[in-house]
C-alpha atoms as a PDB file:
ATOM      1  CA  MET A   1     -33.648 -63.952 -35.935  1.00  0.00           C
ATOM      2  CA  THR A   2     -33.461 -63.928 -39.724  1.00  0.00           C
ATOM      3  CA  HIS A   3     -31.978 -61.096 -41.743  1.00  0.00           C
ATOM      4  CA  PRO A   4     -32.935 -59.900 -45.237  1.00  0.00           C
ATOM      5  CA  PRO A   5     -30.582 -61.061 -48.025  1.00  0.00           C
ATOM      6  CA  ALA A   6     -27.632 -58.764 -48.589  1.00  0.00           C
ATOM      7  CA  PRO A   7     -27.658 -56.823 -51.873  1.00  0.00           C
ATOM      8  CA  ARG A   8     -25.244 -57.985 -54.553  1.00  0.00           C
ATOM      9  CA  PRO A   9     -22.079 -55.860 -54.672  1.00  0.00           C
ATOM     10  CA  ASP A  10     -21.457 -53.631 -57.683  1.00  0.00           C
ATOM     11  CA  LEU A  11     -19.641 -55.324 -60.545  1.00  0.00           C
ATOM     12  CA  PRO A  12     -18.248 -54.336 -63.933  1.00  0.00           C
ATOM     13  CA  ASP A  13     -20.419 -55.127 -66.949  1.00  0.00           C
ATOM     14  CA  LEU A  14     -18.661 -58.140 -68.441  1.00  0.00           C
ATOM     15  CA  GLY A  15     -21.592 -59.109 -70.628  1.00  0.00           C
ATOM     16  CA  PRO A  16     -24.916 -60.899 -70.110  1.00  0.00           C
ATOM     17  CA  ASP A  17     -23.464 -64.345 -69.381  1.00  0.00           C
ATOM     18  CA  ALA A  18     -21.157 -63.097 -66.638  1.00  0.00           C
ATOM     19  CA  LEU A  19     -23.815 -60.963 -65.002  1.00  0.00           C
ATOM     20  CA  LEU A  20     -26.316 -63.822 -65.137  1.00  0.00           C
ATOM     21  CA  LEU A  21     -23.805 -66.003 -63.283  1.00  0.00           C
ATOM     22  CA  ALA A  22     -22.978 -63.273 -60.774  1.00  0.00           C
ATOM     23  CA  ASP A  23     -26.626 -62.712 -59.890  1.00  0.00           C
ATOM     24  CA  ALA A  24     -27.385 -66.431 -59.644  1.00  0.00           C
ATOM     25  CA  ALA A  25     -24.281 -67.226 -57.584  1.00  0.00           C
ATOM     26  CA  TRP A  26     -24.999 -64.357 -55.198  1.00  0.00           C
ATOM     27  CA  GLN A  27     -28.598 -65.390 -54.638  1.00  0.00           C
ATOM     28  CA  ALA A  28     -27.587 -69.031 -54.174  1.00  0.00           C
ATOM     29  CA  GLY A  29     -25.090 -67.843 -51.584  1.00  0.00           C
ATOM     30  CA  GLN A  30     -27.840 -65.988 -49.751  1.00  0.00           C
ATOM     31  CA  ILE A  31     -29.890 -69.185 -49.707  1.00  0.00           C
ATOM     32  CA  ALA A  32     -26.923 -71.050 -48.224  1.00  0.00           C
ATOM     33  CA  MET A  33     -26.420 -68.316 -45.630  1.00  0.00           C
ATOM     34  CA  ALA A  34     -29.902 -69.046 -44.268  1.00  0.00           C
ATOM     35  CA  PHE A  35     -28.476 -72.406 -43.121  1.00  0.00           C
ATOM     36  CA  TYR A  36     -24.978 -71.228 -42.184  1.00  0.00           C
ATOM     37  CA  GLY A  37     -24.178 -71.652 -38.500  1.00  0.00           C
ATOM     38  CA  ARG A  38     -27.573 -73.266 -37.862  1.00  0.00           C
ATOM     39  CA  ASP A  39     -26.488 -76.933 -37.835  1.00  0.00           C
ATOM     40  CA  PRO A  40     -27.952 -77.941 -41.197  1.00  0.00           C
ATOM     41  CA  ARG A  41     -28.603 -81.599 -41.896  1.00  0.00           C
ATOM     42  CA  VAL A  42     -25.524 -83.361 -43.280  1.00  0.00           C
ATOM     43  CA  TRP A  43     -25.218 -86.573 -45.301  1.00  0.00           C
ATOM     44  CA  MET A  44     -22.089 -88.395 -46.465  1.00  0.00           C
ATOM     45  CA  LYS A  45     -21.717 -89.201 -50.149  1.00  0.00           C
ATOM     46  CA  ALA A  46     -19.435 -91.758 -51.777  1.00  0.00           C
ATOM     47  CA  GLY A  47     -15.802 -91.051 -51.031  1.00  0.00           C
ATOM     48  CA  ASP A  48     -16.581 -89.670 -47.567  1.00  0.00           C
ATOM     49  CA  SER A  49     -17.640 -86.308 -49.009  1.00  0.00           C
ATOM     50  CA  PRO A  50     -20.276 -84.341 -47.055  1.00  0.00           C
ATOM     51  CA  VAL A  51     -23.337 -82.639 -48.481  1.00  0.00           C
ATOM     52  CA  THR A  52     -25.741 -80.462 -46.521  1.00  0.00           C
ATOM     53  CA  GLU A  53     -29.309 -79.344 -47.005  1.00  0.00           C
ATOM     54  CA  ALA A  54     -27.839 -75.943 -47.877  1.00  0.00           C
ATOM     55  CA  ASP A  55     -25.932 -77.461 -50.850  1.00  0.00           C
ATOM     56  CA  LEU A  56     -29.150 -79.015 -52.112  1.00  0.00           C
ATOM     57  CA  ALA A  57     -31.242 -75.867 -51.666  1.00  0.00           C
ATOM     58  CA  ALA A  58     -28.670 -73.738 -53.496  1.00  0.00           C
ATOM     59  CA  ASP A  59     -28.404 -76.335 -56.254  1.00  0.00           C
ATOM     60  CA  ARG A  60     -32.169 -76.361 -56.798  1.00  0.00           C
ATOM     61  CA  TYR A  61     -32.199 -72.582 -57.086  1.00  0.00           C
ATOM     62  CA  LEU A  62     -29.314 -72.529 -59.556  1.00  0.00           C
ATOM     63  CA  ALA A  63     -30.792 -75.286 -61.714  1.00  0.00           C
ATOM     64  CA  ALA A  64     -34.160 -73.521 -61.916  1.00  0.00           C
ATOM     65  CA  THR A  65     -32.772 -70.010 -62.444  1.00  0.00           C
ATOM     66  CA  LEU A  66     -30.001 -70.779 -64.911  1.00  0.00           C
ATOM     67  CA  GLY A  67     -32.056 -73.372 -66.753  1.00  0.00           C
ATOM     68  CA  ALA A  68     -34.859 -70.864 -67.281  1.00  0.00           C
ATOM     69  CA  ALA A  69     -32.417 -68.212 -68.511  1.00  0.00           C
ATOM     70  CA  ARG A  70     -30.543 -70.493 -70.938  1.00  0.00           C
ATOM     71  CA  PRO A  71     -32.753 -73.535 -71.664  1.00  0.00           C
ATOM     72  CA  ASP A  72     -30.470 -74.656 -74.500  1.00  0.00           C
ATOM     73  CA  HIS A  73     -27.444 -75.041 -72.181  1.00  0.00           C
ATOM     74  CA  GLY A  74     -26.360 -78.334 -70.671  1.00  0.00           C
ATOM     75  CA  TRP A  75     -25.939 -78.880 -66.947  1.00  0.00           C
ATOM     76  CA  LEU A  76     -23.233 -80.354 -64.716  1.00  0.00           C
ATOM     77  CA  SER A  77     -23.379 -79.894 -60.958  1.00  0.00           C
ATOM     78  CA  GLU A  78     -21.785 -81.677 -58.033  1.00  0.00           C
ATOM     79  CA  GLU A  79     -25.196 -82.108 -56.429  1.00  0.00           C
ATOM     80  CA  THR A  80     -27.241 -83.156 -59.481  1.00  0.00           C
ATOM     81  CA  THR A  81     -27.212 -86.664 -60.925  1.00  0.00           C
ATOM     82  CA  ASP A  82     -25.050 -86.525 -64.031  1.00  0.00           C
ATOM     83  CA  THR A  83     -26.345 -87.661 -67.418  1.00  0.00           C
ATOM     84  CA  ALA A  84     -24.744 -88.095 -70.822  1.00  0.00           C
ATOM     85  CA  ALA A  85     -27.061 -85.438 -72.300  1.00  0.00           C
ATOM     86  CA  ARG A  86     -24.535 -82.706 -71.462  1.00  0.00           C
ATOM     87  CA  LEU A  87     -21.965 -84.277 -73.799  1.00  0.00           C
ATOM     88  CA  ASP A  88     -24.040 -83.200 -76.806  1.00  0.00           C
ATOM     89  CA  CYS A  89     -24.095 -79.543 -75.676  1.00  0.00           C
ATOM     90  CA  ARG A  90     -21.604 -76.981 -76.989  1.00  0.00           C
ATOM     91  CA  ARG A  91     -22.416 -74.759 -74.021  1.00  0.00           C
ATOM     92  CA  LEU A  92     -23.290 -75.816 -70.497  1.00  0.00           C
ATOM     93  CA  PHE A  93     -23.407 -74.593 -66.926  1.00  0.00           C
ATOM     94  CA  ILE A  94     -20.891 -76.131 -64.537  1.00  0.00           C
ATOM     95  CA  VAL A  95     -21.894 -75.566 -60.932  1.00  0.00           C
ATOM     96  CA  ASP A  96     -20.770 -76.238 -57.386  1.00  0.00           C
ATOM     97  CA  PRO A  97     -23.511 -74.863 -55.126  1.00  0.00           C
ATOM     98  CA  ILE A  98     -21.127 -74.865 -52.153  1.00  0.00           C
ATOM     99  CA  ASP A  99     -17.444 -75.359 -52.899  1.00  0.00           C
ATOM    100  CA  GLY A 100     -15.824 -76.079 -49.552  1.00  0.00           C
ATOM    101  CA  THR A 101     -18.705 -77.834 -47.812  1.00  0.00           C
ATOM    102  CA  ARG A 102     -16.419 -78.927 -44.977  1.00  0.00           C
ATOM    103  CA  GLY A 103     -15.611 -75.268 -44.307  1.00  0.00           C
ATOM    104  CA  PHE A 104     -19.320 -74.476 -44.443  1.00  0.00           C
ATOM    105  CA  ILE A 105     -19.988 -77.119 -41.805  1.00  0.00           C
ATOM    106  CA  ARG A 106     -17.084 -75.884 -39.650  1.00  0.00           C
ATOM    107  CA  ARG A 107     -18.351 -72.296 -40.005  1.00  0.00           C
ATOM    108  CA  ASP A 108     -14.871 -71.088 -40.990  1.00  0.00           C
ATOM    109  CA  GLY A 109     -16.030 -68.955 -43.927  1.00  0.00           C
ATOM    110  CA  GLU A 110     -13.874 -70.891 -46.414  1.00  0.00           C
ATOM    111  CA  TRP A 111     -16.596 -71.678 -48.939  1.00  0.00           C
ATOM    112  CA  CYS A 112     -18.190 -70.142 -52.001  1.00  0.00           C
ATOM    113  CA  VAL A 113     -20.739 -70.707 -54.744  1.00  0.00           C
ATOM    114  CA  SER A 114     -19.010 -71.498 -58.042  1.00  0.00           C
ATOM    115  CA  VAL A 115     -20.777 -71.206 -61.401  1.00  0.00           C
ATOM    116  CA  ALA A 116     -19.382 -71.169 -64.932  1.00  0.00           C
ATOM    117  CA  ILE A 117     -20.446 -71.359 -68.552  1.00  0.00           C
ATOM    118  CA  VAL A 118     -18.252 -73.637 -70.635  1.00  0.00           C
ATOM    119  CA  GLU A 119     -18.232 -73.567 -74.432  1.00  0.00           C
ATOM    120  CA  ASP A 120     -16.483 -76.241 -76.502  1.00  0.00           C
ATOM    121  CA  GLY A 121     -14.595 -77.453 -73.457  1.00  0.00           C
ATOM    122  CA  GLN A 122     -13.354 -74.079 -72.172  1.00  0.00           C
ATOM    123  CA  PRO A 123     -14.869 -71.637 -69.644  1.00  0.00           C
ATOM    124  CA  VAL A 124     -16.139 -68.377 -71.135  1.00  0.00           C
ATOM    125  CA  ALA A 125     -17.733 -66.864 -68.028  1.00  0.00           C
ATOM    126  CA  GLY A 126     -17.399 -67.623 -64.350  1.00  0.00           C
ATOM    127  CA  ALA A 127     -18.396 -66.318 -60.942  1.00  0.00           C
ATOM    128  CA  LEU A 128     -17.491 -67.168 -57.357  1.00  0.00           C
ATOM    129  CA  ALA A 129     -19.751 -65.690 -54.682  1.00  0.00           C
ATOM    130  CA  ARG A 130     -18.470 -65.599 -51.118  1.00  0.00           C
ATOM    131  CA  PRO A 131     -21.382 -64.332 -49.037  1.00  0.00           C
ATOM    132  CA  THR A 132     -19.570 -64.492 -45.687  1.00  0.00           C
ATOM    133  CA  THR A 133     -17.305 -61.690 -46.903  1.00  0.00           C
ATOM    134  CA  GLY A 134     -19.678 -60.008 -49.352  1.00  0.00           C
ATOM    135  CA  GLU A 135     -17.331 -60.683 -52.278  1.00  0.00           C
ATOM    136  CA  ILE A 136     -17.858 -61.789 -55.858  1.00  0.00           C
ATOM    137  CA  TYR A 137     -15.034 -62.861 -58.153  1.00  0.00           C
ATOM    138  CA  LEU A 138     -16.094 -62.505 -61.794  1.00  0.00           C
ATOM    139  CA  ALA A 139     -14.479 -63.225 -65.146  1.00  0.00           C
ATOM    140  CA  ALA A 140     -15.427 -63.333 -68.807  1.00  0.00           C
ATOM    141  CA  ARG A 141     -13.214 -64.462 -71.650  1.00  0.00           C
ATOM    142  CA  GLY A 142     -11.284 -61.510 -73.020  1.00  0.00           C
ATOM    143  CA  ARG A 143     -12.683 -59.102 -70.393  1.00  0.00           C
ATOM    144  CA  GLY A 144     -10.444 -59.771 -67.422  1.00  0.00           C
ATOM    145  CA  ALA A 145     -10.872 -61.131 -63.910  1.00  0.00           C
ATOM    146  CA  TRP A 146     -12.342 -58.974 -61.181  1.00  0.00           C
ATOM    147  CA  LEU A 147     -13.015 -58.914 -57.460  1.00  0.00           C
ATOM    148  CA  GLY A 148     -15.913 -56.511 -57.255  1.00  0.00           C
ATOM    149  CA  LYS A 149     -14.724 -53.586 -59.373  1.00  0.00           C
ATOM    150  CA  THR A 150     -11.013 -54.274 -58.812  1.00  0.00           C
ATOM    151  CA  ARG A 151      -9.226 -55.899 -61.725  1.00  0.00           C
ATOM    152  CA  LEU A 152      -7.077 -58.883 -60.722  1.00  0.00           C
ATOM    153  CA  ARG A 153      -3.528 -59.768 -61.742  1.00  0.00           C
ATOM    154  CA  VAL A 154      -1.398 -62.715 -60.749  1.00  0.00           C
ATOM    155  CA  THR A 155       1.957 -61.971 -59.153  1.00  0.00           C
ATOM    156  CA  ALA A 156       5.000 -61.610 -61.377  1.00  0.00           C
ATOM    157  CA  GLY A 157       8.348 -63.318 -60.927  1.00  0.00           C
ATOM    158  CA  GLU A 158       9.621 -66.839 -61.338  1.00  0.00           C
ATOM    159  CA  ALA A 159      11.598 -67.570 -58.174  1.00  0.00           C
ATOM    160  CA  VAL A 160      10.403 -70.228 -55.755  1.00  0.00           C
ATOM    161  CA  ALA A 161      12.177 -68.548 -52.837  1.00  0.00           C
ATOM    162  CA  ALA A 162       9.682 -66.610 -50.683  1.00  0.00           C
ATOM    163  CA  ALA A 163       6.769 -67.544 -52.968  1.00  0.00           C
ATOM    164  CA  ARG A 164       3.453 -68.125 -51.204  1.00  0.00           C
ATOM    165  CA  PHE A 165       2.036 -71.566 -51.965  1.00  0.00           C
ATOM    166  CA  GLY A 166      -1.471 -72.910 -51.445  1.00  0.00           C
ATOM    167  CA  GLY A 167      -2.341 -76.578 -51.145  1.00  0.00           C
ATOM    168  CA  SER A 168      -2.297 -79.475 -48.752  1.00  0.00           C
ATOM    169  CA  PRO A 169       0.897 -80.872 -47.195  1.00  0.00           C
ATOM    170  CA  ARG A 170      -0.133 -84.292 -48.537  1.00  0.00           C
ATOM    171  CA  ILE A 171      -0.089 -83.244 -52.184  1.00  0.00           C
ATOM    172  CA  PHE A 172       3.194 -81.385 -51.750  1.00  0.00           C
ATOM    173  CA  ALA A 173       4.728 -84.530 -50.241  1.00  0.00           C
ATOM    174  CA  SER A 174       3.288 -86.816 -52.927  1.00  0.00           C
ATOM    175  CA  LEU A 175       4.747 -84.641 -55.701  1.00  0.00           C
ATOM    176  CA  GLY A 176       8.185 -84.533 -54.075  1.00  0.00           C
ATOM    177  CA  LEU A 177       8.007 -80.809 -53.351  1.00  0.00           C
ATOM    178  CA  ALA A 178       8.363 -81.194 -49.588  1.00  0.00           C
ATOM    179  CA  LYS A 179      11.829 -82.689 -50.097  1.00  0.00           C
ATOM    180  CA  ALA A 180      12.775 -79.547 -52.018  1.00  0.00           C
ATOM    181  CA  GLY A 181      11.677 -77.423 -49.067  1.00  0.00           C
ATOM    182  CA  ILE A 182       8.533 -76.145 -50.788  1.00  0.00           C
ATOM    183  CA  LYS A 183       5.612 -76.068 -48.387  1.00  0.00           C
ATOM    184  CA  PRO A 184       2.108 -74.600 -48.466  1.00  0.00           C
ATOM    185  CA  VAL A 185       1.275 -71.555 -46.381  1.00  0.00           C
ATOM    186  CA  ILE A 186      -2.486 -72.001 -46.739  1.00  0.00           C
ATOM    187  CA  ASN A 187      -4.900 -74.824 -47.561  1.00  0.00           C
ATOM    188  CA  LEU A 188      -8.446 -73.519 -47.928  1.00  0.00           C
ATOM    189  CA  SER A 189     -11.420 -75.873 -47.764  1.00  0.00           C
ATOM    190  CA  SER A 190     -12.521 -74.451 -51.127  1.00  0.00           C
ATOM    191  CA  LEU A 191     -10.271 -75.274 -54.062  1.00  0.00           C
ATOM    192  CA  ALA A 192     -12.046 -72.619 -56.113  1.00  0.00           C
ATOM    193  CA  LEU A 193     -11.105 -69.960 -53.549  1.00  0.00           C
ATOM    194  CA  ARG A 194      -7.523 -71.199 -53.420  1.00  0.00           C
ATOM    195  CA  LEU A 195      -7.257 -70.669 -57.172  1.00  0.00           C
ATOM    196  CA  ALA A 196      -9.028 -67.313 -56.924  1.00  0.00           C
ATOM    197  CA  TYR A 197      -6.343 -66.239 -54.460  1.00  0.00           C
ATOM    198  CA  VAL A 198      -3.759 -66.917 -57.170  1.00  0.00           C
ATOM    199  CA  ALA A 199      -5.754 -64.769 -59.603  1.00  0.00           C
ATOM    200  CA  ALA A 200      -5.888 -61.988 -56.990  1.00  0.00           C
ATOM    201  CA  GLY A 201      -2.171 -62.187 -56.185  1.00  0.00           C
ATOM    202  CA  ALA A 202      -2.849 -63.273 -52.582  1.00  0.00           C
ATOM    203  CA  LEU A 203      -1.056 -66.539 -53.389  1.00  0.00           C
ATOM    204  CA  ASP A 204       1.767 -66.915 -55.887  1.00  0.00           C
ATOM    205  CA  CYS A 205       1.043 -70.560 -56.657  1.00  0.00           C
ATOM    206  CA  ALA A 206      -1.537 -73.217 -55.820  1.00  0.00           C
ATOM    207  CA  ILE A 207      -1.332 -76.961 -56.224  1.00  0.00           C
ATOM    208  CA  ALA A 208      -4.297 -79.331 -56.149  1.00  0.00           C
ATOM    209  CA  ARG A 209      -4.428 -83.063 -55.706  1.00  0.00           C
ATOM    210  CA  GLU A 210      -5.680 -85.409 -58.416  1.00  0.00           C
ATOM    211  CA  ASN A 211      -9.394 -86.036 -58.940  1.00  0.00           C
ATOM    212  CA  ALA A 212     -10.587 -82.441 -58.700  1.00  0.00           C
ATOM    213  CA  HIS A 213     -13.794 -82.178 -60.717  1.00  0.00           C
ATOM    214  CA  ASP A 214     -15.014 -79.734 -63.350  1.00  0.00           C
ATOM    215  CA  TRP A 215     -17.282 -78.031 -60.817  1.00  0.00           C
ATOM    216  CA  ASP A 216     -14.325 -77.312 -58.511  1.00  0.00           C
ATOM    217  CA  LEU A 217     -12.350 -75.684 -61.289  1.00  0.00           C
ATOM    218  CA  ALA A 218     -14.219 -74.172 -64.240  1.00  0.00           C
ATOM    219  CA  ALA A 219     -14.995 -70.709 -62.841  1.00  0.00           C
ATOM    220  CA  ALA A 220     -11.653 -70.394 -61.022  1.00  0.00           C
ATOM    221  CA  ASP A 221      -9.756 -71.552 -64.120  1.00  0.00           C
ATOM    222  CA  LEU A 222     -11.111 -68.578 -66.060  1.00  0.00           C
ATOM    223  CA  LEU A 223     -10.260 -66.227 -63.189  1.00  0.00           C
ATOM    224  CA  VAL A 224      -6.631 -67.388 -63.203  1.00  0.00           C
ATOM    225  CA  HIS A 225      -6.239 -67.118 -66.984  1.00  0.00           C
ATOM    226  CA  GLU A 226      -7.975 -63.748 -67.259  1.00  0.00           C
ATOM    227  CA  ALA A 227      -5.697 -62.479 -64.470  1.00  0.00           C
ATOM    228  CA  GLY A 228      -2.673 -63.385 -66.603  1.00  0.00           C
ATOM    229  CA  GLY A 229      -1.868 -66.748 -65.015  1.00  0.00           C
ATOM    230  CA  LEU A 230      -1.930 -70.392 -65.990  1.00  0.00           C
ATOM    231  CA  LEU A 231      -3.827 -73.374 -64.603  1.00  0.00           C
ATOM    232  CA  THR A 232      -2.631 -76.683 -66.006  1.00  0.00           C
ATOM    233  CA  THR A 233      -1.893 -80.230 -64.978  1.00  0.00           C
ATOM    234  CA  VAL A 234       1.467 -80.706 -63.276  1.00  0.00           C
ATOM    235  CA  ARG A 235       2.712 -81.801 -66.722  1.00  0.00           C
ATOM    236  CA  GLY A 236       1.718 -78.475 -68.265  1.00  0.00           C
ATOM    237  CA  GLU A 237      -1.438 -79.633 -70.055  1.00  0.00           C
ATOM    238  CA  ARG A 238      -4.404 -77.256 -70.384  1.00  0.00           C
ATOM    239  CA  LEU A 239      -7.631 -78.480 -68.824  1.00  0.00           C
ATOM    240  CA  VAL A 240     -10.589 -79.485 -70.999  1.00  0.00           C
ATOM    241  CA  TYR A 241     -14.084 -79.488 -69.510  1.00  0.00           C
ATOM    242  CA  ASN A 242     -17.250 -81.491 -70.154  1.00  0.00           C
ATOM    243  CA  ALA A 243     -15.533 -84.812 -70.776  1.00  0.00           C
ATOM    244  CA  ALA A 244     -17.374 -88.038 -70.045  1.00  0.00           C
ATOM    245  CA  ALA A 245     -15.444 -88.315 -66.769  1.00  0.00           C
ATOM    246  CA  PRO A 246     -15.220 -84.729 -65.433  1.00  0.00           C
ATOM    247  CA  ARG A 247     -12.116 -85.323 -63.306  1.00  0.00           C
ATOM    248  CA  HIS A 248      -8.545 -84.067 -63.604  1.00  0.00           C
ATOM    249  CA  PRO A 249      -5.034 -85.057 -62.533  1.00  0.00           C
ATOM    250  CA  ALA A 250      -2.927 -83.035 -60.094  1.00  0.00           C
ATOM    251  CA  LEU A 251      -2.931 -79.334 -60.978  1.00  0.00           C
ATOM    252  CA  LEU A 252      -0.710 -76.272 -60.835  1.00  0.00           C
ATOM    253  CA  ALA A 253      -1.768 -72.599 -60.954  1.00  0.00           C
ATOM    254  CA  ALA A 254       0.619 -69.620 -60.988  1.00  0.00           C
ATOM    255  CA  GLY A 255       1.798 -66.630 -62.976  1.00  0.00           C
ATOM    256  CA  PRO A 256       3.694 -67.558 -66.172  1.00  0.00           C
ATOM    257  CA  GLY A 257       7.200 -67.187 -64.733  1.00  0.00           C
ATOM    258  CA  LEU A 258       6.640 -69.167 -61.552  1.00  0.00           C
ATOM    259  CA  HIS A 259       4.492 -71.672 -63.432  1.00  0.00           C
ATOM    260  CA  ALA A 260       7.427 -72.484 -65.740  1.00  0.00           C
ATOM    261  CA  THR A 261       9.770 -72.759 -62.758  1.00  0.00           C
ATOM    262  CA  MET A 262       7.392 -75.099 -60.957  1.00  0.00           C
ATOM    263  CA  LEU A 263       6.966 -77.329 -64.012  1.00  0.00           C
ATOM    264  CA  ARG A 264      10.747 -77.767 -64.117  1.00  0.00           C
ATOM    265  CA  THR A 265      10.840 -78.382 -60.365  1.00  0.00           C
ATOM    266  CA  LEU A 266       8.105 -80.997 -60.588  1.00  0.00           C
ATOM    267  CA  ALA A 267       9.813 -82.715 -63.511  1.00  0.00           C
ATOM    268  CA  ASN A 268      12.995 -83.058 -61.441  1.00  0.00           C
ATOM    269  CA  ALA A 269      11.336 -83.928 -58.114  1.00  0.00           C
END
């Protein structure tokens, strides 16, 4: 039995770009939900990464909808063949139609639709839609980060003791953090959600392995920064988007105090 799409939750007015992304991400999530728990077809891409027919259906919707709304914007999506044309665009959409496809396949709810607008290498609007919980995370540059109509703030403090970390045990071990007794308490299938949890204060810090792509990060990056936090490389470098190779080294997200502590810890690990 099919159910009608759920209505989008109420959101603050963060401007036309943010609301465009929120509406598109929500509707793409509803498209994905039509496949969720119904054994969608799955293919394996290079690097042993899965893609489902739900990813492709959501991607087609986002490309058509966002492209029609902003025809002058470039396009970068995990599920669309990349071209060099985007490099000539000051503004572009960066999209992951399902971030956390493995969680989608496992039916664990740990997935979302991630969409962002990037201008001159930095995100200016971003939305994460999580239809299994009815949530939308939304941010616009200078207008804050929000979960629904609740404004988000990262946690304060700089002490590692009792801090809640997100990431995989493998990345913590590879960075030498496991030897210092620092271990993750959660490792979500969706990197975007893991970073959103930092923005919401549900995690104090998140660490990501190398080779995360622009589409994993752009919307969540803005959420973290608009919530008062920092997302950088583990060397403290700010991320730049829409490079020829849209990949990044290992990453660290936290509030300013803990972020500084973790940079020192990583430097000495």
